[in-house]
Amino acid sequence: MNVSIRSAAREDILRQFAWYLDERGSPKAARRFLDAVESAIDRISGNPGIGAPKFFKNPMLKGLRSWPVPGFSAVGVYNSFSDEGIRVIRVLHGKRDVLRLIEEDSAGEQ
């Protein structure tokens, strides 16, 4: 299935990768994180519709789901799917204000 990763999601992945490098000083953890994100996206693309549904007031976000990054369960891949394929919206740590970030992000798309 076709997978598109929004630029905001790419920035999220790079931000978390840099955190493991800079804050943790762990290139191994940073690399494992990238591999785990790739694994999560592969799993989603092979099983569209898996993950916990998320509910937002914004109708543009209808059908959004989250799937945990393996080994980094506090980080979720927020995605939607349609006939065109999987769309990775954001990749966010649960300690962040996920609802606000996704709502604000979707407002910028209109």
PDB file of N, CA and C in Angstrom:
ATOM      1  N   MET A   1       0.843  -1.172   0.000  1.00  0.00           N
ATOM      2  CA  MET A   1       0.000   0.000   0.000  1.00  0.00           C
ATOM      3  C   MET A   1       0.890   1.237   0.000  1.00  0.00           C
ATOM      4  N   ASN A   2       0.476   2.244  -0.740  1.00  0.00           N
ATOM      5  CA  ASN A   2       1.212   3.502  -0.821  1.00  0.00           C
ATOM      6  C   ASN A   2       1.210   4.211   0.540  1.00  0.00           C
ATOM      7  N   VAL A   3       2.365   4.707   0.944  1.00  0.00           N
ATOM      8  CA  VAL A   3       2.494   5.424   2.217  1.00  0.00           C
ATOM      9  C   VAL A   3       3.075   6.805   1.942  1.00  0.00           C
ATOM     10  N   SER A   4       2.396   7.835   2.438  1.00  0.00           N
ATOM     11  CA  SER A   4       2.956   9.186   2.364  1.00  0.00           C
ATOM     12  C   SER A   4       3.184   9.679   3.793  1.00  0.00           C
ATOM     13  N   ILE A   5       4.317  10.325   3.979  1.00  0.00           N
ATOM     14  CA  ILE A   5       4.687  10.843   5.300  1.00  0.00           C
ATOM     15  C   ILE A   5       4.734  12.359   5.194  1.00  0.00           C
ATOM     16  N   ARG A   6       3.857  13.012   5.926  1.00  0.00           N
ATOM     17  CA  ARG A   6       3.796  14.475   5.894  1.00  0.00           C
ATOM     18  C   ARG A   6       5.085  15.071   6.445  1.00  0.00           C
ATOM     19  N   SER A   7       5.386  16.264   6.013  1.00  0.00           N
ATOM     20  CA  SER A   7       6.613  16.925   6.453  1.00  0.00           C
ATOM     21  C   SER A   7       6.630  17.111   7.971  1.00  0.00           C
ATOM     22  N   ALA A   8       5.482  17.375   8.576  1.00  0.00           N
ATOM     23  CA  ALA A   8       5.432  17.520  10.041  1.00  0.00           C
ATOM     24  C   ALA A   8       5.838  16.219  10.722  1.00  0.00           C
ATOM     25  N   ALA A   9       5.422  15.083  10.159  1.00  0.00           N
ATOM     26  CA  ALA A   9       5.802  13.782  10.733  1.00  0.00           C
ATOM     27  C   ALA A   9       7.298  13.543  10.564  1.00  0.00           C
ATOM     28  N   ARG A  10       7.840  13.915   9.414  1.00  0.00           N
ATOM     29  CA  ARG A  10       9.296  13.779   9.209  1.00  0.00           C
ATOM     30  C   ARG A  10      10.062  14.614  10.228  1.00  0.00           C
ATOM     31  N   GLU A  11       9.584  15.834  10.474  1.00  0.00           N
ATOM     32  CA  GLU A  11      10.225  16.699  11.468  1.00  0.00           C
ATOM     33  C   GLU A  11      10.132  16.085  12.863  1.00  0.00           C
ATOM     34  N   ASP A  12       8.981  15.478  13.173  1.00  0.00           N
ATOM     35  CA  ASP A  12       8.817  14.805  14.470  1.00  0.00           C
ATOM     36  C   ASP A  12       9.856  13.704  14.632  1.00  0.00           C
ATOM     37  N   ILE A  13      10.025  12.902  13.587  1.00  0.00           N
ATOM     38  CA  ILE A  13      10.974  11.780  13.630  1.00  0.00           C
ATOM     39  C   ILE A  13      12.393  12.307  13.821  1.00  0.00           C
ATOM     40  N   LEU A  14      12.746  13.324  13.071  1.00  0.00           N
ATOM     41  CA  LEU A  14      14.095  13.903  13.188  1.00  0.00           C
ATOM     42  C   LEU A  14      14.322  14.534  14.552  1.00  0.00           C
ATOM     43  N   ARG A  15      13.289  15.182  15.099  1.00  0.00           N
ATOM     44  CA  ARG A  15      13.398  15.809  16.422  1.00  0.00           C
ATOM     45  C   ARG A  15      13.659  14.753  17.492  1.00  0.00           C
ATOM     46  N   GLN A  16      12.924  13.629  17.424  1.00  0.00           N
ATOM     47  CA  GLN A  16      13.107  12.568  18.412  1.00  0.00           C
ATOM     48  C   GLN A  16      14.470  11.891  18.241  1.00  0.00           C
ATOM     49  N   PHE A  17      14.877  11.690  16.994  1.00  0.00           N
ATOM     50  CA  PHE A  17      16.193  11.128  16.691  1.00  0.00           C
ATOM     51  C   PHE A  17      17.292  12.006  17.305  1.00  0.00           C
ATOM     52  N   ALA A  18      17.186  13.315  17.089  1.00  0.00           N
ATOM     53  CA  ALA A  18      18.175  14.255  17.626  1.00  0.00           C
ATOM     54  C   ALA A  18      18.173  14.243  19.153  1.00  0.00           C
ATOM     55  N   TRP A  19      17.005  14.065  19.752  1.00  0.00           N
ATOM     56  CA  TRP A  19      16.921  14.015  21.206  1.00  0.00           C
ATOM     57  C   TRP A  19      17.733  12.842  21.737  1.00  0.00           C
ATOM     58  N   TYR A  20      17.603  11.675  21.105  1.00  0.00           N
ATOM     59  CA  TYR A  20      18.384  10.520  21.547  1.00  0.00           C
ATOM     60  C   TYR A  20      19.874  10.761  21.371  1.00  0.00           C
ATOM     61  N   LEU A  21      20.245  11.444  20.318  1.00  0.00           N
ATOM     62  CA  LEU A  21      21.665  11.745  20.101  1.00  0.00           C
ATOM     63  C   LEU A  21      22.180  12.778  21.088  1.00  0.00           C
ATOM     64  N   ASP A  22      21.455  13.901  21.207  1.00  0.00           N
ATOM     65  CA  ASP A  22      21.942  15.033  21.995  1.00  0.00           C
ATOM     66  C   ASP A  22      21.693  14.892  23.497  1.00  0.00           C
ATOM     67  N   GLU A  23      20.464  14.569  23.861  1.00  0.00           N
ATOM     68  CA  GLU A  23      20.107  14.512  25.276  1.00  0.00           C
ATOM     69  C   GLU A  23      20.558  13.212  25.934  1.00  0.00           C
ATOM     70  N   ARG A  24      20.444  12.136  25.222  1.00  0.00           N
ATOM     71  CA  ARG A  24      20.819  10.829  25.769  1.00  0.00           C
ATOM     72  C   ARG A  24      22.245  10.439  25.407  1.00  0.00           C
ATOM     73  N   GLY A  25      22.784  11.105  24.384  1.00  0.00           N
ATOM     74  CA  GLY A  25      24.128  10.756  23.940  1.00  0.00           C
ATOM     75  C   GLY A  25      24.216   9.318  23.468  1.00  0.00           C
ATOM     76  N   SER A  26      23.142   8.862  22.806  1.00  0.00           N
ATOM     77  CA  SER A  26      23.077   7.457  22.439  1.00  0.00           C
ATOM     78  C   SER A  26      22.768   7.269  20.948  1.00  0.00           C
ATOM     79  N   PRO A  27      23.817   7.193  20.131  1.00  0.00           N
ATOM     80  CA  PRO A  27      23.584   6.919  18.707  1.00  0.00           C
ATOM     81  C   PRO A  27      22.869   5.583  18.476  1.00  0.00           C
ATOM     82  N   LYS A  28      23.123   4.602  19.359  1.00  0.00           N
ATOM     83  CA  LYS A  28      22.453   3.302  19.227  1.00  0.00           C
ATOM     84  C   LYS A  28      20.941   3.446  19.396  1.00  0.00           C
ATOM     85  N   ALA A  29      20.531   4.177  20.424  1.00  0.00           N
ATOM     86  CA  ALA A  29      19.094   4.386  20.675  1.00  0.00           C
ATOM     87  C   ALA A  29      18.473   5.191  19.543  1.00  0.00           C
ATOM     88  N   ALA A  30      19.201   6.173  19.047  1.00  0.00           N
ATOM     89  CA  ALA A  30      18.695   6.990  17.943  1.00  0.00           C
ATOM     90  C   ALA A  30      18.449   6.122  16.708  1.00  0.00           C
ATOM     91  N   ARG A  31      19.377   5.239  16.413  1.00  0.00           N
ATOM     92  CA  ARG A  31      19.245   4.356  15.253  1.00  0.00           C
ATOM     93  C   ARG A  31      18.118   3.345  15.461  1.00  0.00           C
ATOM     94  N   ARG A  32      18.031   2.801  16.689  1.00  0.00           N
ATOM     95  CA  ARG A  32      16.931   1.872  16.994  1.00  0.00           C
ATOM     96  C   ARG A  32      15.582   2.557  16.828  1.00  0.00           C
ATOM     97  N   PHE A  33      15.531   3.846  17.218  1.00  0.00           N
ATOM     98  CA  PHE A  33      14.287   4.599  17.071  1.00  0.00           C
ATOM     99  C   PHE A  33      13.888   4.696  15.598  1.00  0.00           C
ATOM    100  N   LEU A  34      14.831   5.051  14.741  1.00  0.00           N
ATOM    101  CA  LEU A  34      14.515   5.139  13.310  1.00  0.00           C
ATOM    102  C   LEU A  34      14.032   3.802  12.764  1.00  0.00           C
ATOM    103  N   ASP A  35      14.719   2.728  13.150  1.00  0.00           N
ATOM    104  CA  ASP A  35      14.315   1.395  12.694  1.00  0.00           C
ATOM    105  C   ASP A  35      12.921   1.034  13.213  1.00  0.00           C
ATOM    106  N   ALA A  36      12.637   1.413  14.448  1.00  0.00           N
ATOM    107  CA  ALA A  36      11.340   1.100  15.045  1.00  0.00           C
ATOM    108  C   ALA A  36      10.212   1.880  14.378  1.00  0.00           C
ATOM    109  N   VAL A  37      10.469   3.134  14.025  1.00  0.00           N
ATOM    110  CA  VAL A  37       9.461   3.928  13.309  1.00  0.00           C
ATOM    111  C   VAL A  37       9.175   3.284  11.960  1.00  0.00           C
ATOM    112  N   GLU A  38      10.226   2.885  11.269  1.00  0.00           N
ATOM    113  CA  GLU A  38      10.054   2.212   9.981  1.00  0.00           C
ATOM    114  C   GLU A  38       9.238   0.932  10.148  1.00  0.00           C
ATOM    115  N   SER A  39       9.518   0.177  11.202  1.00  0.00           N
ATOM    116  CA  SER A  39       8.778  -1.045  11.475  1.00  0.00           C
ATOM    117  C   SER A  39       7.302  -0.756  11.741  1.00  0.00           C
ATOM    118  N   ALA A  40       7.026   0.285  12.516  1.00  0.00           N
ATOM    119  CA  ALA A  40       5.639   0.655  12.814  1.00  0.00           C
ATOM    120  C   ALA A  40       4.898   1.043  11.539  1.00  0.00           C
ATOM    121  N   ILE A  41       5.535   1.819  10.692  1.00  0.00           N
ATOM    122  CA  ILE A  41       4.897   2.242   9.447  1.00  0.00           C
ATOM    123  C   ILE A  41       4.678   1.045   8.528  1.00  0.00           C
ATOM    124  N   ASP A  42       5.634   0.128   8.484  1.00  0.00           N
ATOM    125  CA  ASP A  42       5.454  -1.101   7.695  1.00  0.00           C
ATOM    126  C   ASP A  42       4.258  -1.897   8.204  1.00  0.00           C
ATOM    127  N   ARG A  43       4.136  -1.998   9.510  1.00  0.00           N
ATOM    128  CA  ARG A  43       3.016  -2.746  10.104  1.00  0.00           C
ATOM    129  C   ARG A  43       1.688  -2.093   9.749  1.00  0.00           C
ATOM    130  N   ILE A  44       1.640  -0.766   9.836  1.00  0.00           N
ATOM    131  CA  ILE A  44       0.418  -0.030   9.495  1.00  0.00           C
ATOM    132  C   ILE A  44       0.071  -0.231   8.021  1.00  0.00           C
ATOM    133  N   SER A  45       1.076  -0.153   7.161  1.00  0.00           N
ATOM    134  CA  SER A  45       0.803  -0.276   5.719  1.00  0.00           C
ATOM    135  C   SER A  45       0.333  -1.685   5.354  1.00  0.00           C
ATOM    136  N   GLY A  46       0.768  -2.677   6.102  1.00  0.00           N
ATOM    137  CA  GLY A  46       0.334  -4.041   5.859  1.00  0.00           C
ATOM    138  C   GLY A  46      -1.024  -4.364   6.460  1.00  0.00           C
ATOM    139  N   ASN A  47      -1.478  -3.511   7.377  1.00  0.00           N
ATOM    140  CA  ASN A  47      -2.750  -3.728   8.078  1.00  0.00           C
ATOM    141  C   ASN A  47      -3.498  -2.404   8.226  1.00  0.00           C
ATOM    142  N   PRO A  48      -3.907  -1.789   7.129  1.00  0.00           N
ATOM    143  CA  PRO A  48      -4.605  -0.495   7.237  1.00  0.00           C
ATOM    144  C   PRO A  48      -5.787  -0.586   8.199  1.00  0.00           C
ATOM    145  N   GLY A  49      -5.917   0.408   9.013  1.00  0.00           N
ATOM    146  CA  GLY A  49      -7.025   0.429   9.966  1.00  0.00           C
ATOM    147  C   GLY A  49      -6.671  -0.080  11.344  1.00  0.00           C
ATOM    148  N   ILE A  50      -5.423  -0.595  11.523  1.00  0.00           N
ATOM    149  CA  ILE A  50      -5.047  -1.024  12.871  1.00  0.00           C
ATOM    150  C   ILE A  50      -4.744   0.218  13.705  1.00  0.00           C
ATOM    151  N   GLY A  51      -4.768   0.033  14.967  1.00  0.00           N
ATOM    152  CA  GLY A  51      -4.443   1.123  15.875  1.00  0.00           C
ATOM    153  C   GLY A  51      -5.683   1.686  16.542  1.00  0.00           C
ATOM    154  N   ALA A  52      -5.428   2.477  17.558  1.00  0.00           N
ATOM    155  CA  ALA A  52      -6.510   3.068  18.334  1.00  0.00           C
ATOM    156  C   ALA A  52      -7.087   4.273  17.601  1.00  0.00           C
ATOM    157  N   PRO A  53      -8.414   4.282  17.414  1.00  0.00           N
ATOM    158  CA  PRO A  53      -9.010   5.455  16.767  1.00  0.00           C
ATOM    159  C   PRO A  53      -8.912   6.672  17.678  1.00  0.00           C
ATOM    160  N   LYS A  54      -8.736   7.819  17.065  1.00  0.00           N
ATOM    161  CA  LYS A  54      -8.659   9.090  17.787  1.00  0.00           C
ATOM    162  C   LYS A  54      -9.816   9.961  17.313  1.00  0.00           C
ATOM    163  N   PHE A  55     -10.382  10.708  18.228  1.00  0.00           N
ATOM    164  CA  PHE A  55     -11.550  11.509  17.898  1.00  0.00           C
ATOM    165  C   PHE A  55     -11.252  12.988  18.120  1.00  0.00           C
ATOM    166  N   PHE A  56     -11.525  13.764  17.093  1.00  0.00           N
ATOM    167  CA  PHE A  56     -11.282  15.196  17.114  1.00  0.00           C
ATOM    168  C   PHE A  56     -12.548  15.924  16.676  1.00  0.00           C
ATOM    169  N   LYS A  57     -12.667  17.168  17.068  1.00  0.00           N
ATOM    170  CA  LYS A  57     -13.797  17.986  16.626  1.00  0.00           C
ATOM    171  C   LYS A  57     -13.674  18.314  15.143  1.00  0.00           C
ATOM    172  N   ASN A  58     -12.460  18.445  14.669  1.00  0.00           N
ATOM    173  CA  ASN A  58     -12.206  18.803  13.283  1.00  0.00           C
ATOM    174  C   ASN A  58     -12.578  17.638  12.364  1.00  0.00           C
ATOM    175  N   PRO A  59     -13.540  17.829  11.449  1.00  0.00           N
ATOM    176  CA  PRO A  59     -13.953  16.731  10.568  1.00  0.00           C
ATOM    177  C   PRO A  59     -12.854  16.263   9.619  1.00  0.00           C
ATOM    178  N   MET A  60     -11.843  17.099   9.379  1.00  0.00           N
ATOM    179  CA  MET A  60     -10.729  16.697   8.513  1.00  0.00           C
ATOM    180  C   MET A  60      -9.916  15.567   9.150  1.00  0.00           C
ATOM    181  N   LEU A  61     -10.057  15.393  10.450  1.00  0.00           N
ATOM    182  CA  LEU A  61      -9.276  14.384  11.163  1.00  0.00           C
ATOM    183  C   LEU A  61     -10.064  13.100  11.423  1.00  0.00           C
ATOM    184  N   LYS A  62     -11.221  12.992  10.795  1.00  0.00           N
ATOM    185  CA  LYS A  62     -12.026  11.786  10.959  1.00  0.00           C
ATOM    186  C   LYS A  62     -11.237  10.574  10.457  1.00  0.00           C
ATOM    187  N   GLY A  63     -11.243   9.518  11.238  1.00  0.00           N
ATOM    188  CA  GLY A  63     -10.554   8.288  10.855  1.00  0.00           C
ATOM    189  C   GLY A  63      -9.093   8.220  11.282  1.00  0.00           C
ATOM    190  N   LEU A  64      -8.637   9.241  12.010  1.00  0.00           N
ATOM    191  CA  LEU A  64      -7.243   9.232  12.462  1.00  0.00           C
ATOM    192  C   LEU A  64      -7.052   8.134  13.511  1.00  0.00           C
ATOM    193  N   ARG A  65      -5.926   7.435  13.417  1.00  0.00           N
ATOM    194  CA  ARG A  65      -5.590   6.351  14.343  1.00  0.00           C
ATOM    195  C   ARG A  65      -4.159   6.526  14.816  1.00  0.00           C
ATOM    196  N   SER A  66      -3.832   5.853  15.902  1.00  0.00           N
ATOM    197  CA  SER A  66      -2.443   5.853  16.366  1.00  0.00           C
ATOM    198  C   SER A  66      -1.973   4.422  16.548  1.00  0.00           C
ATOM    199  N   TRP A  67      -0.683   4.228  16.303  1.00  0.00           N
ATOM    200  CA  TRP A  67      -0.048   2.930  16.480  1.00  0.00           C
ATOM    201  C   TRP A  67       1.277   3.181  17.189  1.00  0.00           C
ATOM    202  N   PRO A  68       1.574   2.405  18.253  1.00  0.00           N
ATOM    203  CA  PRO A  68       2.816   2.644  18.990  1.00  0.00           C
ATOM    204  C   PRO A  68       4.056   2.230  18.195  1.00  0.00           C
ATOM    205  N   VAL A  69       5.128   2.956  18.432  1.00  0.00           N
ATOM    206  CA  VAL A  69       6.421   2.611  17.852  1.00  0.00           C
ATOM    207  C   VAL A  69       7.002   1.501  18.731  1.00  0.00           C
ATOM    208  N   PRO A  70       7.295   0.317  18.162  1.00  0.00           N
ATOM    209  CA  PRO A  70       7.777  -0.803  18.986  1.00  0.00           C
ATOM    210  C   PRO A  70       9.083  -0.468  19.713  1.00  0.00           C
ATOM    211  N   GLY A  71       9.086  -0.749  21.013  1.00  0.00           N
ATOM    212  CA  GLY A  71      10.261  -0.457  21.829  1.00  0.00           C
ATOM    213  C   GLY A  71      10.283   0.980  22.327  1.00  0.00           C
ATOM    214  N   PHE A  72       9.378   1.802  21.814  1.00  0.00           N
ATOM    215  CA  PHE A  72       9.262   3.212  22.197  1.00  0.00           C
ATOM    216  C   PHE A  72       7.768   3.493  22.350  1.00  0.00           C
ATOM    217  N   SER A  73       7.103   2.724  23.205  1.00  0.00           N
ATOM    218  CA  SER A  73       5.641   2.709  23.262  1.00  0.00           C
ATOM    219  C   SER A  73       5.005   4.050  23.601  1.00  0.00           C
ATOM    220  N   ALA A  74       5.772   4.981  24.145  1.00  0.00           N
ATOM    221  CA  ALA A  74       5.222   6.305  24.435  1.00  0.00           C
ATOM    222  C   ALA A  74       5.105   7.158  23.172  1.00  0.00           C
ATOM    223  N   VAL A  75       5.697   6.684  22.083  1.00  0.00           N
ATOM    224  CA  VAL A  75       5.659   7.424  20.813  1.00  0.00           C
ATOM    225  C   VAL A  75       4.643   6.749  19.908  1.00  0.00           C
ATOM    226  N   GLY A  76       3.753   7.555  19.341  1.00  0.00           N
ATOM    227  CA  GLY A  76       2.725   7.011  18.458  1.00  0.00           C
ATOM    228  C   GLY A  76       2.845   7.547  17.051  1.00  0.00           C
ATOM    229  N   VAL A  77       2.510   6.690  16.096  1.00  0.00           N
ATOM    230  CA  VAL A  77       2.421   7.088  14.688  1.00  0.00           C
ATOM    231  C   VAL A  77       0.951   7.393  14.444  1.00  0.00           C
ATOM    232  N   TYR A  78       0.629   8.655  14.194  1.00  0.00           N
ATOM    233  CA  TYR A  78      -0.741   9.092  13.950  1.00  0.00           C
ATOM    234  C   TYR A  78      -0.959   9.092  12.446  1.00  0.00           C
ATOM    235  N   ASN A  79      -1.961   8.323  12.021  1.00  0.00           N
ATOM    236  CA  ASN A  79      -2.129   8.097  10.587  1.00  0.00           C
ATOM    237  C   ASN A  79      -3.590   7.965  10.210  1.00  0.00           C
ATOM    238  N   SER A  80      -3.825   8.080   8.909  1.00  0.00           N
ATOM    239  CA  SER A  80      -5.151   7.829   8.356  1.00  0.00           C
ATOM    240  C   SER A  80      -4.960   7.017   7.090  1.00  0.00           C
ATOM    241  N   PHE A  81      -6.025   6.413   6.617  1.00  0.00           N
ATOM    242  CA  PHE A  81      -5.913   5.651   5.387  1.00  0.00           C
ATOM    243  C   PHE A  81      -7.161   5.835   4.541  1.00  0.00           C
ATOM    244  N   SER A  82      -6.967   5.686   3.258  1.00  0.00           N
ATOM    245  CA  SER A  82      -8.053   5.792   2.289  1.00  0.00           C
ATOM    246  C   SER A  82      -7.692   4.906   1.103  1.00  0.00           C
ATOM    247  N   ASP A  83      -8.466   4.994   0.045  1.00  0.00           N
ATOM    248  CA  ASP A  83      -8.163   4.215  -1.156  1.00  0.00           C
ATOM    249  C   ASP A  83      -6.802   4.583  -1.742  1.00  0.00           C
ATOM    250  N   GLU A  84      -6.359   5.820  -1.494  1.00  0.00           N
ATOM    251  CA  GLU A  84      -5.061   6.270  -2.017  1.00  0.00           C
ATOM    252  C   GLU A  84      -3.881   5.717  -1.223  1.00  0.00           C
ATOM    253  N   GLY A  85      -4.121   5.278   0.001  1.00  0.00           N
ATOM    254  CA  GLY A  85      -3.055   4.712   0.809  1.00  0.00           C
ATOM    255  C   GLY A  85      -3.033   5.242   2.230  1.00  0.00           C
ATOM    256  N   ILE A  86      -1.915   5.015   2.890  1.00  0.00           N
ATOM    257  CA  ILE A  86      -1.698   5.434   4.274  1.00  0.00           C
ATOM    258  C   ILE A  86      -1.073   6.817   4.261  1.00  0.00           C
ATOM    259  N   ARG A  87      -1.534   7.647   5.175  1.00  0.00           N
ATOM    260  CA  ARG A  87      -0.963   8.989   5.325  1.00  0.00           C
ATOM    261  C   ARG A  87      -0.509   9.147   6.771  1.00  0.00           C
ATOM    262  N   VAL A  88       0.800   9.256   6.973  1.00  0.00           N
ATOM    263  CA  VAL A  88       1.348   9.454   8.315  1.00  0.00           C
ATOM    264  C   VAL A  88       1.287  10.955   8.599  1.00  0.00           C
ATOM    265  N   ILE A  89       0.477  11.306   9.585  1.00  0.00           N
ATOM    266  CA  ILE A  89       0.216  12.708   9.905  1.00  0.00           C
ATOM    267  C   ILE A  89       1.289  13.259  10.845  1.00  0.00           C
ATOM    268  N   ARG A  90       1.515  12.559  11.951  1.00  0.00           N
ATOM    269  CA  ARG A  90       2.509  12.976  12.943  1.00  0.00           C
ATOM    270  C   ARG A  90       3.087  11.739  13.618  1.00  0.00           C
ATOM    271  N   VAL A  91       4.266  11.903  14.230  1.00  0.00           N
ATOM    272  CA  VAL A  91       4.895  10.876  15.060  1.00  0.00           C
ATOM    273  C   VAL A  91       5.263  11.596  16.353  1.00  0.00           C
ATOM    274  N   LEU A  92       4.461  11.366  17.404  1.00  0.00           N
ATOM    275  CA  LEU A  92       4.576  12.193  18.606  1.00  0.00           C
ATOM    276  C   LEU A  92       4.703  11.367  19.881  1.00  0.00           C
ATOM    277  N   HIS A  93       5.485  11.894  20.800  1.00  0.00           N
ATOM    278  CA  HIS A  93       5.609  11.321  22.135  1.00  0.00           C
ATOM    279  C   HIS A  93       4.351  11.682  22.919  1.00  0.00           C
ATOM    280  N   GLY A  94       3.848  10.743  23.698  1.00  0.00           N
ATOM    281  CA  GLY A  94       2.623  10.932  24.456  1.00  0.00           C
ATOM    282  C   GLY A  94       2.668  12.030  25.499  1.00  0.00           C
ATOM    283  N   LYS A  95       3.857  12.463  25.905  1.00  0.00           N
ATOM    284  CA  LYS A  95       3.953  13.543  26.890  1.00  0.00           C
ATOM    285  C   LYS A  95       3.721  14.916  26.254  1.00  0.00           C
ATOM    286  N   ARG A  96       3.701  14.946  24.937  1.00  0.00           N
ATOM    287  CA  ARG A  96       3.415  16.203  24.254  1.00  0.00           C
ATOM    288  C   ARG A  96       1.896  16.389  24.205  1.00  0.00           C
ATOM    289  N   ASP A  97       1.445  17.579  23.926  1.00  0.00           N
ATOM    290  CA  ASP A  97       0.020  17.858  23.816  1.00  0.00           C
ATOM    291  C   ASP A  97      -0.439  17.421  22.425  1.00  0.00           C
ATOM    292  N   VAL A  98      -0.616  16.118  22.276  1.00  0.00           N
ATOM    293  CA  VAL A  98      -0.884  15.502  20.976  1.00  0.00           C
ATOM    294  C   VAL A  98      -2.128  16.096  20.326  1.00  0.00           C
ATOM    295  N   LEU A  99      -3.219  16.172  21.066  1.00  0.00           N
ATOM    296  CA  LEU A  99      -4.461  16.687  20.487  1.00  0.00           C
ATOM    297  C   LEU A  99      -4.282  18.101  19.942  1.00  0.00           C
ATOM    298  N   ARG A 100      -3.662  18.956  20.716  1.00  0.00           N
ATOM    299  CA  ARG A 100      -3.454  20.339  20.281  1.00  0.00           C
ATOM    300  C   ARG A 100      -2.552  20.396  19.051  1.00  0.00           C
ATOM    301  N   LEU A 101      -1.464  19.657  19.076  1.00  0.00           N
ATOM    302  CA  LEU A 101      -0.526  19.681  17.956  1.00  0.00           C
ATOM    303  C   LEU A 101      -1.177  19.210  16.661  1.00  0.00           C
ATOM    304  N   ILE A 102      -1.945  18.155  16.740  1.00  0.00           N
ATOM    305  CA  ILE A 102      -2.591  17.632  15.529  1.00  0.00           C
ATOM    306  C   ILE A 102      -3.700  18.577  15.067  1.00  0.00           C
ATOM    307  N   GLU A 103      -4.474  19.117  15.986  1.00  0.00           N
ATOM    308  CA  GLU A 103      -5.509  20.073  15.624  1.00  0.00           C
ATOM    309  C   GLU A 103      -4.917  21.303  14.951  1.00  0.00           C
ATOM    310  N   GLU A 104      -3.863  21.855  15.542  1.00  0.00           N
ATOM    311  CA  GLU A 104      -3.221  23.041  14.964  1.00  0.00           C
ATOM    312  C   GLU A 104      -2.636  22.732  13.609  1.00  0.00           C
ATOM    313  N   ASP A 105      -2.031  21.562  13.494  1.00  0.00           N
ATOM    314  CA  ASP A 105      -1.414  21.146  12.241  1.00  0.00           C
ATOM    315  C   ASP A 105      -2.461  21.033  11.137  1.00  0.00           C
ATOM    316  N   SER A 106      -3.611  20.455  11.471  1.00  0.00           N
ATOM    317  CA  SER A 106      -4.652  20.274  10.456  1.00  0.00           C
ATOM    318  C   SER A 106      -5.281  21.607  10.073  1.00  0.00           C
ATOM    319  N   ALA A 107      -5.300  22.574  10.997  1.00  0.00           N
ATOM    320  CA  ALA A 107      -5.844  23.892  10.674  1.00  0.00           C
ATOM    321  C   ALA A 107      -4.990  24.577   9.624  1.00  0.00           C
ATOM    322  N   GLY A 108      -3.698  24.312   9.642  1.00  0.00           N
ATOM    323  CA  GLY A 108      -2.791  24.905   8.665  1.00  0.00           C
ATOM    324  C   GLY A 108      -2.942  24.313   7.269  1.00  0.00           C
ATOM    325  N   GLU A 109      -3.605  23.185   7.167  1.00  0.00           N
ATOM    326  CA  GLU A 109      -3.812  22.537   5.864  1.00  0.00           C
ATOM    327  C   GLU A 109      -4.974  23.119   5.102  1.00  0.00           C
ATOM    328  N   GLN A 110      -5.882  23.764   5.799  1.00  0.00           N
ATOM    329  CA  GLN A 110      -7.097  24.256   5.151  1.00  0.00           C
ATOM    330  C   GLN A 110      -6.813  25.394   4.209  1.00  0.00           C
TER     331      GLN A 110
END
